[in-house]
């Protein structure tokens, strides 16, 4: 299994609209192009700190995760985004419509 994960910041005033967009559009978009699962996470603040380096998170920094069976399945999605205008428009909304910034991207392989 391949886990593709990125964390980005969404402006506070666009956060709720982005969550709705993820639930109504992004989930079905990514899953229709080969992702086994799409998930969106926002930080959870807790009173208890579990480690000395456990810091309070930026509430506008979210993490998206896509699960793929193989790396080739992820590459197919990536190629689709580069080649298909509809897919480019969907992914383009991250910046154009929601002002997403400060992203970190990871690809992880399950062993």
C-alpha atoms as a PDB file:
ATOM      1  CA  UNK A   1       0.000   0.000   0.000  1.00  0.00           C
ATOM      2  CA  UNK A   2       1.071   3.562  -0.706  1.00  0.00           C
ATOM      3  CA  UNK A   3       0.022   6.479   1.478  1.00  0.00           C
ATOM      4  CA  UNK A   4       0.252   9.923  -0.090  1.00  0.00           C
ATOM      5  CA  UNK A   5       0.012  12.679   2.456  1.00  0.00           C
ATOM      6  CA  UNK A   6       0.242  16.437   2.390  1.00  0.00           C
ATOM      7  CA  UNK A   7      -0.263  19.111   4.972  1.00  0.00           C
ATOM      8  CA  UNK A   8      -1.168  22.663   4.029  1.00  0.00           C
ATOM      9  CA  UNK A   9      -2.616  25.794   5.534  1.00  0.00           C
ATOM     10  CA  UNK A  10      -6.043  27.133   4.599  1.00  0.00           C
ATOM     11  CA  UNK A  11      -7.055  30.679   5.605  1.00  0.00           C
ATOM     12  CA  UNK A  12      -9.405  30.687   8.615  1.00  0.00           C
ATOM     13  CA  UNK A  13     -12.212  32.411   6.690  1.00  0.00           C
ATOM     14  CA  UNK A  14     -12.145  29.669   4.013  1.00  0.00           C
ATOM     15  CA  UNK A  15     -11.774  26.685   6.330  1.00  0.00           C
ATOM     16  CA  UNK A  16     -15.448  25.623   6.537  1.00  0.00           C
ATOM     17  CA  UNK A  17     -15.939  26.002   2.768  1.00  0.00           C
ATOM     18  CA  UNK A  18     -12.821  23.908   2.179  1.00  0.00           C
ATOM     19  CA  UNK A  19     -14.083  21.146   4.493  1.00  0.00           C
ATOM     20  CA  UNK A  20     -17.383  21.095   2.590  1.00  0.00           C
ATOM     21  CA  UNK A  21     -15.517  21.030  -0.748  1.00  0.00           C
ATOM     22  CA  UNK A  22     -13.410  18.095   0.459  1.00  0.00           C
ATOM     23  CA  UNK A  23     -16.481  16.127   1.590  1.00  0.00           C
ATOM     24  CA  UNK A  24     -18.607  16.849  -1.485  1.00  0.00           C
ATOM     25  CA  UNK A  25     -16.043  17.023  -4.301  1.00  0.00           C
ATOM     26  CA  UNK A  26     -12.485  15.975  -3.446  1.00  0.00           C
ATOM     27  CA  UNK A  27     -13.338  12.613  -1.884  1.00  0.00           C
ATOM     28  CA  UNK A  28     -15.268  11.393  -4.928  1.00  0.00           C
ATOM     29  CA  UNK A  29     -12.744  12.987  -7.315  1.00  0.00           C
ATOM     30  CA  UNK A  30      -9.714  11.212  -5.841  1.00  0.00           C
ATOM     31  CA  UNK A  31     -11.539   7.919  -5.336  1.00  0.00           C
ATOM     32  CA  UNK A  32     -12.801   7.964  -8.933  1.00  0.00           C
ATOM     33  CA  UNK A  33      -9.196   8.288 -10.136  1.00  0.00           C
ATOM     34  CA  UNK A  34      -7.807   5.303  -8.246  1.00  0.00           C
ATOM     35  CA  UNK A  35      -7.451   6.226  -4.584  1.00  0.00           C
ATOM     36  CA  UNK A  36      -8.784   3.520  -2.297  1.00  0.00           C
ATOM     37  CA  UNK A  37      -9.492   6.110   0.367  1.00  0.00           C
ATOM     38  CA  UNK A  38      -9.381   9.887   0.832  1.00  0.00           C
ATOM     39  CA  UNK A  39      -9.288  11.450   4.298  1.00  0.00           C
ATOM     40  CA  UNK A  40      -9.027  15.000   5.623  1.00  0.00           C
ATOM     41  CA  UNK A  41      -7.727  15.829   9.114  1.00  0.00           C
ATOM     42  CA  UNK A  42      -7.494  19.057  11.093  1.00  0.00           C
ATOM     43  CA  UNK A  43      -5.510  19.380  14.335  1.00  0.00           C
ATOM     44  CA  UNK A  44      -7.090  18.570  17.639  1.00  0.00           C
ATOM     45  CA  UNK A  45      -5.929  20.609  20.609  1.00  0.00           C
ATOM     46  CA  UNK A  46      -5.798  18.814  23.923  1.00  0.00           C
ATOM     47  CA  UNK A  47      -5.106  20.051  27.411  1.00  0.00           C
ATOM     48  CA  UNK A  48      -2.733  17.178  28.060  1.00  0.00           C
ATOM     49  CA  UNK A  49       0.621  17.177  26.293  1.00  0.00           C
ATOM     50  CA  UNK A  50       1.910  13.651  25.699  1.00  0.00           C
ATOM     51  CA  UNK A  51       5.547  14.451  24.935  1.00  0.00           C
ATOM     52  CA  UNK A  52       7.834  17.360  25.737  1.00  0.00           C
ATOM     53  CA  UNK A  53       7.819  18.304  22.042  1.00  0.00           C
ATOM     54  CA  UNK A  54       4.009  18.119  21.692  1.00  0.00           C
ATOM     55  CA  UNK A  55       3.097  21.648  20.637  1.00  0.00           C
ATOM     56  CA  UNK A  56      -0.273  23.257  20.048  1.00  0.00           C
ATOM     57  CA  UNK A  57      -1.063  22.941  16.360  1.00  0.00           C
ATOM     58  CA  UNK A  58      -2.065  25.674  13.943  1.00  0.00           C
ATOM     59  CA  UNK A  59      -5.842  25.135  13.638  1.00  0.00           C
ATOM     60  CA  UNK A  60      -5.743  26.046   9.942  1.00  0.00           C
ATOM     61  CA  UNK A  61      -3.059  23.496   9.040  1.00  0.00           C
ATOM     62  CA  UNK A  62      -4.745  20.363   7.725  1.00  0.00           C
ATOM     63  CA  UNK A  63      -3.560  16.981   6.450  1.00  0.00           C
ATOM     64  CA  UNK A  64      -5.000  15.083   3.494  1.00  0.00           C
ATOM     65  CA  UNK A  65      -4.267  11.395   2.962  1.00  0.00           C
ATOM     66  CA  UNK A  66      -4.813   9.236  -0.094  1.00  0.00           C
ATOM     67  CA  UNK A  67      -4.356   5.477   0.053  1.00  0.00           C
ATOM     68  CA  UNK A  68      -3.393   3.572  -3.103  1.00  0.00           C
ATOM     69  CA  UNK A  69      -2.833  -0.116  -3.662  1.00  0.00           C
ATOM     70  CA  UNK A  70       0.379   0.457  -5.660  1.00  0.00           C
ATOM     71  CA  UNK A  71       2.701   3.316  -6.544  1.00  0.00           C
ATOM     72  CA  UNK A  72       1.645   2.835 -10.161  1.00  0.00           C
ATOM     73  CA  UNK A  73      -1.949   3.699  -9.132  1.00  0.00           C
ATOM     74  CA  UNK A  74      -0.722   6.968  -7.626  1.00  0.00           C
ATOM     75  CA  UNK A  75       1.306   7.750 -10.754  1.00  0.00           C
ATOM     76  CA  UNK A  76      -1.823   7.181 -12.847  1.00  0.00           C
ATOM     77  CA  UNK A  77      -3.678   9.800 -10.775  1.00  0.00           C
ATOM     78  CA  UNK A  78      -0.749  12.211 -11.095  1.00  0.00           C
ATOM     79  CA  UNK A  79      -0.622  11.713 -14.877  1.00  0.00           C
ATOM     80  CA  UNK A  80      -4.367  12.304 -15.083  1.00  0.00           C
ATOM     81  CA  UNK A  81      -4.006  15.601 -13.231  1.00  0.00           C
ATOM     82  CA  UNK A  82      -1.322  16.693 -15.694  1.00  0.00           C
ATOM     83  CA  UNK A  83      -3.292  15.615 -18.789  1.00  0.00           C
ATOM     84  CA  UNK A  84      -7.022  16.085 -18.098  1.00  0.00           C
ATOM     85  CA  UNK A  85      -8.388  19.629 -17.928  1.00  0.00           C
ATOM     86  CA  UNK A  86     -11.224  18.686 -15.565  1.00  0.00           C
ATOM     87  CA  UNK A  87      -8.693  17.226 -13.119  1.00  0.00           C
ATOM     88  CA  UNK A  88      -6.439  20.292 -13.451  1.00  0.00           C
ATOM     89  CA  UNK A  89      -9.397  22.541 -12.647  1.00  0.00           C
ATOM     90  CA  UNK A  90     -10.291  20.492  -9.573  1.00  0.00           C
ATOM     91  CA  UNK A  91      -6.742  20.555  -8.195  1.00  0.00           C
ATOM     92  CA  UNK A  92      -6.360  24.218  -9.186  1.00  0.00           C
ATOM     93  CA  UNK A  93      -9.103  25.151  -6.733  1.00  0.00           C
ATOM     94  CA  UNK A  94      -6.736  24.515  -3.828  1.00  0.00           C
ATOM     95  CA  UNK A  95      -4.903  27.767  -4.565  1.00  0.00           C
ATOM     96  CA  UNK A  96      -7.352  29.718  -6.726  1.00  0.00           C
ATOM     97  CA  UNK A  97     -10.481  29.279  -4.614  1.00  0.00           C
ATOM     98  CA  UNK A  98      -9.171  28.451  -1.152  1.00  0.00           C
ATOM     99  CA  UNK A  99      -5.763  30.153  -0.957  1.00  0.00           C
ATOM    100  CA  UNK A 100      -3.981  27.013   0.218  1.00  0.00           C
ATOM    101  CA  UNK A 101      -0.306  27.583   1.127  1.00  0.00           C
ATOM    102  CA  UNK A 102       2.674  26.241   3.103  1.00  0.00           C
ATOM    103  CA  UNK A 103       2.358  22.662   1.879  1.00  0.00           C
ATOM    104  CA  UNK A 104       4.509  19.660   2.788  1.00  0.00           C
ATOM    105  CA  UNK A 105       4.191  16.491   0.714  1.00  0.00           C
ATOM    106  CA  UNK A 106       5.094  12.852   1.539  1.00  0.00           C
ATOM    107  CA  UNK A 107       4.793   9.481  -0.159  1.00  0.00           C
ATOM    108  CA  UNK A 108       4.957   6.563   2.271  1.00  0.00           C
ATOM    109  CA  UNK A 109       5.176   2.846   1.528  1.00  0.00           C
ATOM    110  CA  UNK A 110       3.684   0.252   3.868  1.00  0.00           C
ATOM    111  CA  UNK A 111       5.915  -2.660   4.891  1.00  0.00           C
END
